[in-house]
C-alpha atoms as a PDB file:
ATOM      1  CA  UNK A   1      43.957   8.962 -11.159  1.00  0.00           C
ATOM      2  CA  UNK A   2      45.039   6.725 -14.438  1.00  0.00           C
ATOM      3  CA  UNK A   3      48.045   5.196 -12.325  1.00  0.00           C
ATOM      4  CA  UNK A   4      45.854   3.925  -9.759  1.00  0.00           C
ATOM      5  CA  UNK A   5      43.830   2.831 -12.110  1.00  0.00           C
ATOM      6  CA  UNK A   6      46.202   1.252 -13.854  1.00  0.00           C
ATOM      7  CA  UNK A   7      47.465  -0.414 -10.651  1.00  0.00           C
ATOM      8  CA  UNK A   8      44.099  -2.065  -9.735  1.00  0.00           C
ATOM      9  CA  UNK A   9      43.674  -3.704 -12.893  1.00  0.00           C
ATOM     10  CA  UNK A  10      46.578  -5.329 -13.343  1.00  0.00           C
ATOM     11  CA  UNK A  11      46.041  -6.330  -9.523  1.00  0.00           C
ATOM     12  CA  UNK A  12      43.046  -8.077 -11.197  1.00  0.00           C
ATOM     13  CA  UNK A  13      40.611  -5.328  -9.451  1.00  0.00           C
ATOM     14  CA  UNK A  14      38.349  -4.348 -11.722  1.00  0.00           C
ATOM     15  CA  UNK A  15      35.895  -2.553  -9.959  1.00  0.00           C
ATOM     16  CA  UNK A  16      38.318  -0.344  -8.428  1.00  0.00           C
ATOM     17  CA  UNK A  17      39.553   0.344 -11.825  1.00  0.00           C
ATOM     18  CA  UNK A  18      35.829   1.062 -13.326  1.00  0.00           C
ATOM     19  CA  UNK A  19      35.912   3.956 -10.695  1.00  0.00           C
ATOM     20  CA  UNK A  20      39.291   5.356 -11.369  1.00  0.00           C
ATOM     21  CA  UNK A  21      38.963   5.626 -14.965  1.00  0.00           C
ATOM     22  CA  UNK A  22      35.174   7.008 -14.584  1.00  0.00           C
ATOM     23  CA  UNK A  23      36.826   9.662 -12.225  1.00  0.00           C
ATOM     24  CA  UNK A  24      39.303  10.448 -14.753  1.00  0.00           C
ATOM     25  CA  UNK A  25      36.649  10.857 -17.108  1.00  0.00           C
ATOM     26  CA  UNK A  26      34.967  13.542 -15.901  1.00  0.00           C
ATOM     27  CA  UNK A  27      38.174  15.906 -15.611  1.00  0.00           C
ATOM     28  CA  UNK A  28      38.304  15.624 -19.661  1.00  0.00           C
ATOM     29  CA  UNK A  29      36.679  17.603 -22.334  1.00  0.00           C
ATOM     30  CA  UNK A  30      33.496  15.534 -24.157  1.00  0.00           C
ATOM     31  CA  UNK A  31      35.128  14.258 -27.524  1.00  0.00           C
ATOM     32  CA  UNK A  32      38.956  14.803 -26.862  1.00  0.00           C
ATOM     33  CA  UNK A  33      40.667  11.643 -27.526  1.00  0.00           C
ATOM     34  CA  UNK A  34      41.488  11.154 -24.282  1.00  0.00           C
ATOM     35  CA  UNK A  35      37.811  11.001 -23.335  1.00  0.00           C
ATOM     36  CA  UNK A  36      36.985   9.011 -26.270  1.00  0.00           C
ATOM     37  CA  UNK A  37      40.126   6.470 -25.265  1.00  0.00           C
ATOM     38  CA  UNK A  38      39.117   6.490 -21.083  1.00  0.00           C
ATOM     39  CA  UNK A  39      35.379   5.869 -22.925  1.00  0.00           C
ATOM     40  CA  UNK A  40      36.636   2.693 -24.538  1.00  0.00           C
ATOM     41  CA  UNK A  41      38.689   1.404 -21.305  1.00  0.00           C
ATOM     42  CA  UNK A  42      35.383   1.824 -19.148  1.00  0.00           C
ATOM     43  CA  UNK A  43      33.125  -0.260 -21.377  1.00  0.00           C
ATOM     44  CA  UNK A  44      36.069  -2.870 -22.226  1.00  0.00           C
ATOM     45  CA  UNK A  45      36.296  -3.402 -18.273  1.00  0.00           C
ATOM     46  CA  UNK A  46      32.357  -3.030 -17.592  1.00  0.00           C
ATOM     47  CA  UNK A  47      32.149  -6.024 -19.754  1.00  0.00           C
ATOM     48  CA  UNK A  48      34.599  -7.902 -18.396  1.00  0.00           C
ATOM     49  CA  UNK A  49      32.665  -7.453 -14.675  1.00  0.00           C
ATOM     50  CA  UNK A  50      29.556  -8.214 -16.657  1.00  0.00           C
ATOM     51  CA  UNK A  51      30.836 -11.335 -17.603  1.00  0.00           C
ATOM     52  CA  UNK A  52      31.562 -12.598 -14.351  1.00  0.00           C
ATOM     53  CA  UNK A  53      35.768 -11.917 -14.822  1.00  0.00           C
ATOM     54  CA  UNK A  54      36.456 -10.191 -11.184  1.00  0.00           C
ATOM     55  CA  UNK A  55      39.078 -11.167  -9.885  1.00  0.00           C
ATOM     56  CA  UNK A  56      40.752 -11.079  -6.448  1.00  0.00           C
ATOM     57  CA  UNK A  57      43.963  -8.982  -5.995  1.00  0.00           C
ATOM     58  CA  UNK A  58      46.856 -11.374  -7.519  1.00  0.00           C
ATOM     59  CA  UNK A  59      48.530 -11.584  -3.498  1.00  0.00           C
ATOM     60  CA  UNK A  60      45.255 -13.268  -2.347  1.00  0.00           C
ATOM     61  CA  UNK A  61      45.105 -15.710  -6.091  1.00  0.00           C
ATOM     62  CA  UNK A  62      46.120 -19.682  -4.551  1.00  0.00           C
ATOM     63  CA  UNK A  63      49.000 -20.619  -6.552  1.00  0.00           C
ATOM     64  CA  UNK A  64      48.793 -23.242  -9.193  1.00  0.00           C
ATOM     65  CA  UNK A  65      49.976 -25.759  -7.030  1.00  0.00           C
ATOM     66  CA  UNK A  66      47.676 -25.059  -4.446  1.00  0.00           C
ATOM     67  CA  UNK A  67      44.502 -25.259  -6.615  1.00  0.00           C
ATOM     68  CA  UNK A  68      45.506 -28.141  -7.969  1.00  0.00           C
ATOM     69  CA  UNK A  69      45.703 -29.907  -4.829  1.00  0.00           C
ATOM     70  CA  UNK A  70      42.428 -28.080  -3.823  1.00  0.00           C
ATOM     71  CA  UNK A  71      40.818 -30.407  -6.067  1.00  0.00           C
ATOM     72  CA  UNK A  72      42.093 -33.652  -5.481  1.00  0.00           C
ATOM     73  CA  UNK A  73      39.231 -33.969  -2.485  1.00  0.00           C
ATOM     74  CA  UNK A  74      36.188 -33.844  -2.408  1.00  0.00           C
ATOM     75  CA  UNK A  75      36.260 -32.433   1.260  1.00  0.00           C
ATOM     76  CA  UNK A  76      38.344 -29.496  -0.114  1.00  0.00           C
ATOM     77  CA  UNK A  77      35.849 -28.903  -2.822  1.00  0.00           C
ATOM     78  CA  UNK A  78      33.322 -29.147  -0.053  1.00  0.00           C
ATOM     79  CA  UNK A  79      35.078 -27.001   2.298  1.00  0.00           C
ATOM     80  CA  UNK A  80      36.012 -24.108  -0.494  1.00  0.00           C
ATOM     81  CA  UNK A  81      32.164 -24.368  -2.069  1.00  0.00           C
ATOM     82  CA  UNK A  82      31.083 -23.804   2.190  1.00  0.00           C
ATOM     83  CA  UNK A  83      33.630 -20.876   2.620  1.00  0.00           C
ATOM     84  CA  UNK A  84      32.075 -19.239  -0.521  1.00  0.00           C
ATOM     85  CA  UNK A  85      29.281 -19.477   0.069  1.00  0.00           C
ATOM     86  CA  UNK A  86      29.663 -17.289   3.657  1.00  0.00           C
ATOM     87  CA  UNK A  87      31.437 -15.052   1.734  1.00  0.00           C
ATOM     88  CA  UNK A  88      29.157 -14.474  -0.222  1.00  0.00           C
ATOM     89  CA  UNK A  89      26.350 -13.936   2.702  1.00  0.00           C
ATOM     90  CA  UNK A  90      28.706 -11.750   4.851  1.00  0.00           C
ATOM     91  CA  UNK A  91      29.623  -9.509   2.108  1.00  0.00           C
ATOM     92  CA  UNK A  92      25.660  -9.237   0.651  1.00  0.00           C
ATOM     93  CA  UNK A  93      25.080  -8.867   4.259  1.00  0.00           C
ATOM     94  CA  UNK A  94      26.967  -5.831   4.804  1.00  0.00           C
ATOM     95  CA  UNK A  95      26.064  -4.234   1.784  1.00  0.00           C
ATOM     96  CA  UNK A  96      22.438  -4.435   2.845  1.00  0.00           C
ATOM     97  CA  UNK A  97      22.726  -2.768   6.078  1.00  0.00           C
ATOM     98  CA  UNK A  98      25.241  -0.154   4.250  1.00  0.00           C
ATOM     99  CA  UNK A  99      22.008   1.806   3.615  1.00  0.00           C
ATOM    100  CA  UNK A 100      20.428   2.071   7.138  1.00  0.00           C
ATOM    101  CA  UNK A 101      24.180   4.109   7.980  1.00  0.00           C
ATOM    102  CA  UNK A 102      22.879   6.960   6.199  1.00  0.00           C
ATOM    103  CA  UNK A 103      21.055   9.542   8.367  1.00  0.00           C
ATOM    104  CA  UNK A 104      18.989  10.734   4.595  1.00  0.00           C
ATOM    105  CA  UNK A 105      18.444   7.094   4.051  1.00  0.00           C
ATOM    106  CA  UNK A 106      17.012   5.961   7.724  1.00  0.00           C
ATOM    107  CA  UNK A 107      15.175   9.114   8.757  1.00  0.00           C
ATOM    108  CA  UNK A 108      13.016   8.720   5.264  1.00  0.00           C
ATOM    109  CA  UNK A 109      12.862   5.020   5.783  1.00  0.00           C
ATOM    110  CA  UNK A 110      10.754   5.772   9.144  1.00  0.00           C
ATOM    111  CA  UNK A 111       9.048   8.715   7.420  1.00  0.00           C
ATOM    112  CA  UNK A 112       7.641   5.986   5.238  1.00  0.00           C
ATOM    113  CA  UNK A 113       7.095   3.410   7.899  1.00  0.00           C
ATOM    114  CA  UNK A 114       5.065   6.168   9.969  1.00  0.00           C
ATOM    115  CA  UNK A 115       3.092   6.539   6.911  1.00  0.00           C
ATOM    116  CA  UNK A 116       1.890   3.064   6.152  1.00  0.00           C
ATOM    117  CA  UNK A 117       1.433   2.546   9.611  1.00  0.00           C
ATOM    118  CA  UNK A 118      -1.128   4.627  10.090  1.00  0.00           C
ATOM    119  CA  UNK A 119      -2.941   2.992   6.977  1.00  0.00           C
ATOM    120  CA  UNK A 120      -2.444  -0.530   7.458  1.00  0.00           C
ATOM    121  CA  UNK A 121      -0.924  -1.402  10.374  1.00  0.00           C
ATOM    122  CA  UNK A 122       2.933  -1.395  11.838  1.00  0.00           C
ATOM    123  CA  UNK A 123       3.541  -5.066  10.531  1.00  0.00           C
ATOM    124  CA  UNK A 124       2.422  -4.598   6.817  1.00  0.00           C
ATOM    125  CA  UNK A 125       4.368  -1.357   6.883  1.00  0.00           C
ATOM    126  CA  UNK A 126       7.582  -2.893   8.068  1.00  0.00           C
ATOM    127  CA  UNK A 127       7.290  -5.292   6.002  1.00  0.00           C
ATOM    128  CA  UNK A 128       6.824  -2.880   2.786  1.00  0.00           C
ATOM    129  CA  UNK A 129       9.350  -1.023   3.920  1.00  0.00           C
ATOM    130  CA  UNK A 130      12.145  -3.665   3.980  1.00  0.00           C
ATOM    131  CA  UNK A 131      10.873  -5.002   0.255  1.00  0.00           C
ATOM    132  CA  UNK A 132      11.334  -1.664  -1.000  1.00  0.00           C
ATOM    133  CA  UNK A 133      14.449  -0.756   0.671  1.00  0.00           C
ATOM    134  CA  UNK A 134      15.811  -4.304  -0.326  1.00  0.00           C
ATOM    135  CA  UNK A 135      14.875  -3.417  -3.953  1.00  0.00           C
ATOM    136  CA  UNK A 136      16.947  -0.144  -3.744  1.00  0.00           C
ATOM    137  CA  UNK A 137      19.875  -1.987  -2.730  1.00  0.00           C
ATOM    138  CA  UNK A 138      20.064  -4.124  -5.176  1.00  0.00           C
ATOM    139  CA  UNK A 139      20.437  -0.985  -7.432  1.00  0.00           C
ATOM    140  CA  UNK A 140      23.369   0.116  -4.350  1.00  0.00           C
ATOM    141  CA  UNK A 141      25.072  -3.071  -5.323  1.00  0.00           C
ATOM    142  CA  UNK A 142      24.735  -3.229  -8.835  1.00  0.00           C
ATOM    143  CA  UNK A 143      25.893   0.608  -9.092  1.00  0.00           C
ATOM    144  CA  UNK A 144      29.173  -0.450  -6.634  1.00  0.00           C
ATOM    145  CA  UNK A 145      30.069  -3.087  -9.146  1.00  0.00           C
ATOM    146  CA  UNK A 146      30.289  -1.593 -12.033  1.00  0.00           C
ATOM    147  CA  UNK A 147      32.282   1.402 -10.001  1.00  0.00           C
ATOM    148  CA  UNK A 148      29.531   3.578 -10.337  1.00  0.00           C
ATOM    149  CA  UNK A 149      29.020   6.660  -7.568  1.00  0.00           C
ATOM    150  CA  UNK A 150      25.795   7.351  -6.340  1.00  0.00           C
ATOM    151  CA  UNK A 151      23.490   8.661  -3.681  1.00  0.00           C
ATOM    152  CA  UNK A 152      22.108   6.464  -0.982  1.00  0.00           C
ATOM    153  CA  UNK A 153      18.629   5.517  -1.145  1.00  0.00           C
ATOM    154  CA  UNK A 154      15.993   8.126  -0.367  1.00  0.00           C
ATOM    155  CA  UNK A 155      12.018   7.323   0.875  1.00  0.00           C
ATOM    156  CA  UNK A 156       9.190   8.841  -0.704  1.00  0.00           C
ATOM    157  CA  UNK A 157       6.108   7.903   1.203  1.00  0.00           C
ATOM    158  CA  UNK A 158       3.448   6.224  -1.018  1.00  0.00           C
ATOM    159  CA  UNK A 159       5.569   6.832  -3.958  1.00  0.00           C
ATOM    160  CA  UNK A 160       8.669   4.247  -3.377  1.00  0.00           C
ATOM    161  CA  UNK A 161      12.347   5.110  -2.983  1.00  0.00           C
ATOM    162  CA  UNK A 162      14.893   6.654  -5.294  1.00  0.00           C
ATOM    163  CA  UNK A 163      18.608   6.419  -6.288  1.00  0.00           C
ATOM    164  CA  UNK A 164      20.107   9.438  -7.773  1.00  0.00           C
ATOM    165  CA  UNK A 165      23.574   8.261 -10.162  1.00  0.00           C
ATOM    166  CA  UNK A 166      26.344  10.590  -9.693  1.00  0.00           C
ATOM    167  CA  UNK A 167      27.888   9.209 -12.809  1.00  0.00           C
ATOM    168  CA  UNK A 168      26.180   7.749 -15.957  1.00  0.00           C
ATOM    169  CA  UNK A 169      26.466   4.031 -17.048  1.00  0.00           C
ATOM    170  CA  UNK A 170      28.832   3.348 -20.074  1.00  0.00           C
ATOM    171  CA  UNK A 171      26.139   1.396 -22.021  1.00  0.00           C
ATOM    172  CA  UNK A 172      22.910   0.617 -22.789  1.00  0.00           C
ATOM    173  CA  UNK A 173      23.941  -2.812 -21.514  1.00  0.00           C
ATOM    174  CA  UNK A 174      25.829  -1.564 -18.241  1.00  0.00           C
ATOM    175  CA  UNK A 175      22.069   0.637 -17.757  1.00  0.00           C
ATOM    176  CA  UNK A 176      20.343  -2.726 -17.832  1.00  0.00           C
ATOM    177  CA  UNK A 177      22.526  -4.697 -15.245  1.00  0.00           C
ATOM    178  CA  UNK A 178      21.701  -1.824 -12.638  1.00  0.00           C
ATOM    179  CA  UNK A 179      18.125  -0.949 -13.501  1.00  0.00           C
ATOM    180  CA  UNK A 180      17.277  -4.727 -13.578  1.00  0.00           C
ATOM    181  CA  UNK A 181      19.178  -5.456  -9.902  1.00  0.00           C
ATOM    182  CA  UNK A 182      16.798  -4.097  -8.418  1.00  0.00           C
ATOM    183  CA  UNK A 183      13.582  -6.307  -9.078  1.00  0.00           C
ATOM    184  CA  UNK A 184      15.759  -8.843  -9.046  1.00  0.00           C
ATOM    185  CA  UNK A 185      16.582  -8.379  -5.276  1.00  0.00           C
ATOM    186  CA  UNK A 186      12.681  -7.125  -5.081  1.00  0.00           C
ATOM    187  CA  UNK A 187      11.853 -10.249  -6.252  1.00  0.00           C
ATOM    188  CA  UNK A 188      13.855 -12.199  -3.548  1.00  0.00           C
ATOM    189  CA  UNK A 189      12.350 -10.224  -0.864  1.00  0.00           C
ATOM    190  CA  UNK A 190       9.267 -11.480  -1.909  1.00  0.00           C
ATOM    191  CA  UNK A 191      10.327 -15.077  -2.559  1.00  0.00           C
ATOM    192  CA  UNK A 192      12.012 -14.923   1.208  1.00  0.00           C
ATOM    193  CA  UNK A 193       7.981 -13.685   2.442  1.00  0.00           C
ATOM    194  CA  UNK A 194       6.470 -15.921   0.793  1.00  0.00           C
ATOM    195  CA  UNK A 195       8.608 -18.900   2.273  1.00  0.00           C
ATOM    196  CA  UNK A 196       7.514 -17.441   5.924  1.00  0.00           C
ATOM    197  CA  UNK A 197       4.160 -17.853   4.925  1.00  0.00           C
ATOM    198  CA  UNK A 198       4.797 -21.382   3.835  1.00  0.00           C
ATOM    199  CA  UNK A 199       6.571 -21.966   6.913  1.00  0.00           C
ATOM    200  CA  UNK A 200       4.378 -20.546   9.684  1.00  0.00           C
ATOM    201  CA  UNK A 201       0.925 -19.609   7.785  1.00  0.00           C
ATOM    202  CA  UNK A 202       0.280 -15.665   8.967  1.00  0.00           C
ATOM    203  CA  UNK A 203      -1.327 -14.005   6.210  1.00  0.00           C
ATOM    204  CA  UNK A 204       0.750 -10.856   6.702  1.00  0.00           C
ATOM    205  CA  UNK A 205       3.651 -12.660   5.195  1.00  0.00           C
ATOM    206  CA  UNK A 206       1.399 -13.706   2.362  1.00  0.00           C
ATOM    207  CA  UNK A 207       0.099 -10.078   1.682  1.00  0.00           C
ATOM    208  CA  UNK A 208       3.964  -8.874   1.981  1.00  0.00           C
ATOM    209  CA  UNK A 209       5.017 -11.206  -1.110  1.00  0.00           C
ATOM    210  CA  UNK A 210       2.388 -10.214  -2.890  1.00  0.00           C
ATOM    211  CA  UNK A 211       2.247  -6.831  -2.621  1.00  0.00           C
ATOM    212  CA  UNK A 212       6.089  -7.103  -3.070  1.00  0.00           C
ATOM    213  CA  UNK A 213       5.652  -8.860  -6.658  1.00  0.00           C
ATOM    214  CA  UNK A 214       3.027  -6.362  -7.714  1.00  0.00           C
ATOM    215  CA  UNK A 215       5.363  -3.354  -7.181  1.00  0.00           C
ATOM    216  CA  UNK A 216       8.140  -4.935  -8.681  1.00  0.00           C
ATOM    217  CA  UNK A 217       6.028  -5.868 -12.189  1.00  0.00           C
ATOM    218  CA  UNK A 218       4.871  -2.495 -11.833  1.00  0.00           C
ATOM    219  CA  UNK A 219       8.710  -1.019 -12.258  1.00  0.00           C
ATOM    220  CA  UNK A 220       9.316  -3.355 -15.215  1.00  0.00           C
ATOM    221  CA  UNK A 221       6.992  -1.103 -17.144  1.00  0.00           C
ATOM    222  CA  UNK A 222       9.619  -0.472 -20.282  1.00  0.00           C
ATOM    223  CA  UNK A 223       9.227   3.205 -19.459  1.00  0.00           C
ATOM    224  CA  UNK A 224      12.500   5.824 -18.535  1.00  0.00           C
ATOM    225  CA  UNK A 225      12.533   6.216 -15.407  1.00  0.00           C
ATOM    226  CA  UNK A 226      11.316   3.383 -14.681  1.00  0.00           C
ATOM    227  CA  UNK A 227      13.808   0.104 -14.141  1.00  0.00           C
ATOM    228  CA  UNK A 228      11.778  -1.748 -17.164  1.00  0.00           C
ATOM    229  CA  UNK A 229      12.600   1.145 -19.400  1.00  0.00           C
ATOM    230  CA  UNK A 230      16.400   0.923 -18.049  1.00  0.00           C
ATOM    231  CA  UNK A 231      16.541  -2.835 -18.766  1.00  0.00           C
ATOM    232  CA  UNK A 232      14.749  -2.794 -22.245  1.00  0.00           C
ATOM    233  CA  UNK A 233      17.511  -0.421 -23.511  1.00  0.00           C
ATOM    234  CA  UNK A 234      19.705  -3.156 -24.323  1.00  0.00           C
ATOM    235  CA  UNK A 235      17.537  -5.675 -25.696  1.00  0.00           C
ATOM    236  CA  UNK A 236      17.726  -6.124 -29.617  1.00  0.00           C
ATOM    237  CA  UNK A 237      14.373  -5.472 -31.912  1.00  0.00           C
ATOM    238  CA  UNK A 238      13.751  -9.401 -31.808  1.00  0.00           C
ATOM    239  CA  UNK A 239      14.458  -9.881 -28.232  1.00  0.00           C
ATOM    240  CA  UNK A 240      11.680  -6.810 -27.319  1.00  0.00           C
ATOM    241  CA  UNK A 241       9.284  -9.232 -29.429  1.00  0.00           C
ATOM    242  CA  UNK A 242       9.802 -11.964 -27.117  1.00  0.00           C
ATOM    243  CA  UNK A 243       9.299 -10.195 -24.202  1.00  0.00           C
ATOM    244  CA  UNK A 244       5.848  -8.586 -25.346  1.00  0.00           C
ATOM    245  CA  UNK A 245       4.706 -12.420 -26.262  1.00  0.00           C
ATOM    246  CA  UNK A 246       6.071 -13.671 -22.806  1.00  0.00           C
ATOM    247  CA  UNK A 247       3.795 -10.686 -21.026  1.00  0.00           C
ATOM    248  CA  UNK A 248       0.793 -11.709 -23.262  1.00  0.00           C
ATOM    249  CA  UNK A 249       1.556 -15.566 -22.149  1.00  0.00           C
ATOM    250  CA  UNK A 250       2.100 -14.352 -18.436  1.00  0.00           C
ATOM    251  CA  UNK A 251      -1.336 -11.763 -18.816  1.00  0.00           C
ATOM    252  CA  UNK A 252      -3.448 -14.663 -20.327  1.00  0.00           C
ATOM    253  CA  UNK A 253      -2.378 -17.287 -17.574  1.00  0.00           C
ATOM    254  CA  UNK A 254      -2.906 -14.573 -14.902  1.00  0.00           C
ATOM    255  CA  UNK A 255      -5.481 -12.054 -16.366  1.00  0.00           C
ATOM    256  CA  UNK A 256      -2.906  -9.574 -14.507  1.00  0.00           C
ATOM    257  CA  UNK A 257      -4.268  -6.237 -15.556  1.00  0.00           C
ATOM    258  CA  UNK A 258      -0.726  -4.751 -14.715  1.00  0.00           C
ATOM    259  CA  UNK A 259       0.698  -7.048 -17.927  1.00  0.00           C
ATOM    260  CA  UNK A 260      -1.781  -5.165 -19.907  1.00  0.00           C
ATOM    261  CA  UNK A 261       0.053  -2.023 -19.174  1.00  0.00           C
ATOM    262  CA  UNK A 262       3.400  -3.460 -19.329  1.00  0.00           C
ATOM    263  CA  UNK A 263       1.983  -4.989 -23.163  1.00  0.00           C
ATOM    264  CA  UNK A 264       1.451  -1.761 -24.157  1.00  0.00           C
ATOM    265  CA  UNK A 265       4.552  -0.147 -23.533  1.00  0.00           C
ATOM    266  CA  UNK A 266       6.988  -2.395 -24.476  1.00  0.00           C
ATOM    267  CA  UNK A 267       4.961  -2.791 -28.039  1.00  0.00           C
ATOM    268  CA  UNK A 268       4.914   0.914 -28.138  1.00  0.00           C
ATOM    269  CA  UNK A 269       9.093   1.046 -27.622  1.00  0.00           C
ATOM    270  CA  UNK A 270       9.545  -1.674 -29.965  1.00  0.00           C
ATOM    271  CA  UNK A 271       8.016  -0.114 -32.677  1.00  0.00           C
ATOM    272  CA  UNK A 272       8.926   3.626 -32.058  1.00  0.00           C
ATOM    273  CA  UNK A 273      12.099   3.202 -31.468  1.00  0.00           C
ATOM    274  CA  UNK A 274      15.525   2.245 -32.808  1.00  0.00           C
ATOM    275  CA  UNK A 275      16.982  -0.349 -31.106  1.00  0.00           C
ATOM    276  CA  UNK A 276      20.398  -2.163 -30.467  1.00  0.00           C
ATOM    277  CA  UNK A 277      22.019  -4.267 -33.118  1.00  0.00           C
ATOM    278  CA  UNK A 278      23.685  -6.712 -30.907  1.00  0.00           C
ATOM    279  CA  UNK A 279      21.738  -8.834 -28.893  1.00  0.00           C
ATOM    280  CA  UNK A 280      21.582  -9.021 -25.016  1.00  0.00           C
ATOM    281  CA  UNK A 281      20.903 -13.105 -23.767  1.00  0.00           C
ATOM    282  CA  UNK A 282      21.636 -12.405 -20.140  1.00  0.00           C
ATOM    283  CA  UNK A 283      19.168  -8.781 -19.976  1.00  0.00           C
ATOM    284  CA  UNK A 284      16.906 -11.081 -21.871  1.00  0.00           C
ATOM    285  CA  UNK A 285      17.075 -13.697 -18.997  1.00  0.00           C
ATOM    286  CA  UNK A 286      17.141 -11.848 -16.312  1.00  0.00           C
ATOM    287  CA  UNK A 287      13.603  -9.650 -18.441  1.00  0.00           C
ATOM    288  CA  UNK A 288      12.321 -12.896 -19.075  1.00  0.00           C
ATOM    289  CA  UNK A 289      12.481 -14.436 -15.363  1.00  0.00           C
ATOM    290  CA  UNK A 290      11.451 -11.400 -13.546  1.00  0.00           C
ATOM    291  CA  UNK A 291       8.272 -11.089 -15.718  1.00  0.00           C
ATOM    292  CA  UNK A 292       7.042 -14.725 -15.396  1.00  0.00           C
ATOM    293  CA  UNK A 293       8.359 -15.054 -11.435  1.00  0.00           C
ATOM    294  CA  UNK A 294       6.570 -11.717 -10.517  1.00  0.00           C
ATOM    295  CA  UNK A 295       3.567 -12.629 -12.580  1.00  0.00           C
ATOM    296  CA  UNK A 296       3.349 -16.113 -11.101  1.00  0.00           C
ATOM    297  CA  UNK A 297       3.251 -14.615  -7.755  1.00  0.00           C
ATOM    298  CA  UNK A 298       0.401 -12.252  -8.181  1.00  0.00           C
ATOM    299  CA  UNK A 299      -1.718 -15.049  -7.843  1.00  0.00           C
ATOM    300  CA  UNK A 300      -0.515 -15.661  -4.345  1.00  0.00           C
ATOM    301  CA  UNK A 301      -3.826 -15.841  -2.266  1.00  0.00           C
ATOM    302  CA  UNK A 302      -3.773 -13.979   0.500  1.00  0.00           C
ATOM    303  CA  UNK A 303      -6.187 -15.279   3.523  1.00  0.00           C
ATOM    304  CA  UNK A 304      -9.000 -12.586   4.341  1.00  0.00           C
ATOM    305  CA  UNK A 305      -8.219 -10.362   1.240  1.00  0.00           C
ATOM    306  CA  UNK A 306     -10.391 -10.691  -2.021  1.00  0.00           C
ATOM    307  CA  UNK A 307      -9.151 -11.186  -5.507  1.00  0.00           C
ATOM    308  CA  UNK A 308      -9.017  -7.568  -6.451  1.00  0.00           C
ATOM    309  CA  UNK A 309      -7.642  -6.205  -3.541  1.00  0.00           C
ATOM    310  CA  UNK A 310      -3.730  -5.848  -3.253  1.00  0.00           C
ATOM    311  CA  UNK A 311      -3.379  -4.744  -0.011  1.00  0.00           C
ATOM    312  CA  UNK A 312      -5.148  -5.956   3.005  1.00  0.00           C
ATOM    313  CA  UNK A 313      -7.113  -3.915   5.134  1.00  0.00           C
ATOM    314  CA  UNK A 314      -5.760  -2.466   8.802  1.00  0.00           C
ATOM    315  CA  UNK A 315      -6.171  -4.614  11.577  1.00  0.00           C
ATOM    316  CA  UNK A 316      -6.660  -3.323  14.845  1.00  0.00           C
ATOM    317  CA  UNK A 317      -5.561  -4.962  18.060  1.00  0.00           C
ATOM    318  CA  UNK A 318      -8.781  -5.697  20.354  1.00  0.00           C
ATOM    319  CA  UNK A 319      -8.922  -3.668  23.525  1.00  0.00           C
END
């Protein structure tokens, strides 16, 4: 395992190297010198991945002359950008569909869809289940990026879905990235539903966007095992107070009652816990972005739904 990890690291594939080092770590007794040495290596590699230092294998890197030639013309840059976007889209698309290849995920997903269908109709049920699935796949992608093994998403009707990690994060910062990846992808799903509503004017898309935003905002409650609790771990004492202030401002602007709960829990954790002394700017940015964006989306008016209702009544088809 160590040889494979070394080889992958030298080739620039940090994710595979991280995965191999984590597997090797499980074979060593905690507290041993080897365990401590590999733990330090995992933490160092994790920081590089988080900083965007992931590189393709050496054999696929362009030579200096090729790189210089590509920069000489705007056309070359434009094509490089287009190819990069397409590559990212294809990669994310494959990852997004990966969960559907797991029997447990697909079965529990269909079960949840059936339960929600009986209450709110199939259109809203489909949108809600897909939104939850995208949220969970955000966690899967983040776990894969940091070389951690985990189970496929498992849906629980009425409670959303969950993923069980088979390996633990090496640091609060790594835990934060994995935890907040779900709400970040969930925000993307809500924005996509909002975009479709703006284009079509079909009210069900507004309902899916608003409820999806509310669910992801609920997940930001800074308490374990919710995503917000994991995202809160990496924040310093001062950064936690910044989050509290942002939550308070969002509550004042939106009057969303859920934000009051977030504020209470955030203040309690800030006052009662010993926090890290090293700030996490990226974690703070993600948390603030999510709180502000999701709070704003909770104001989205849904035609035919009052401001006190979060989920539309089931619409029966005419005979």
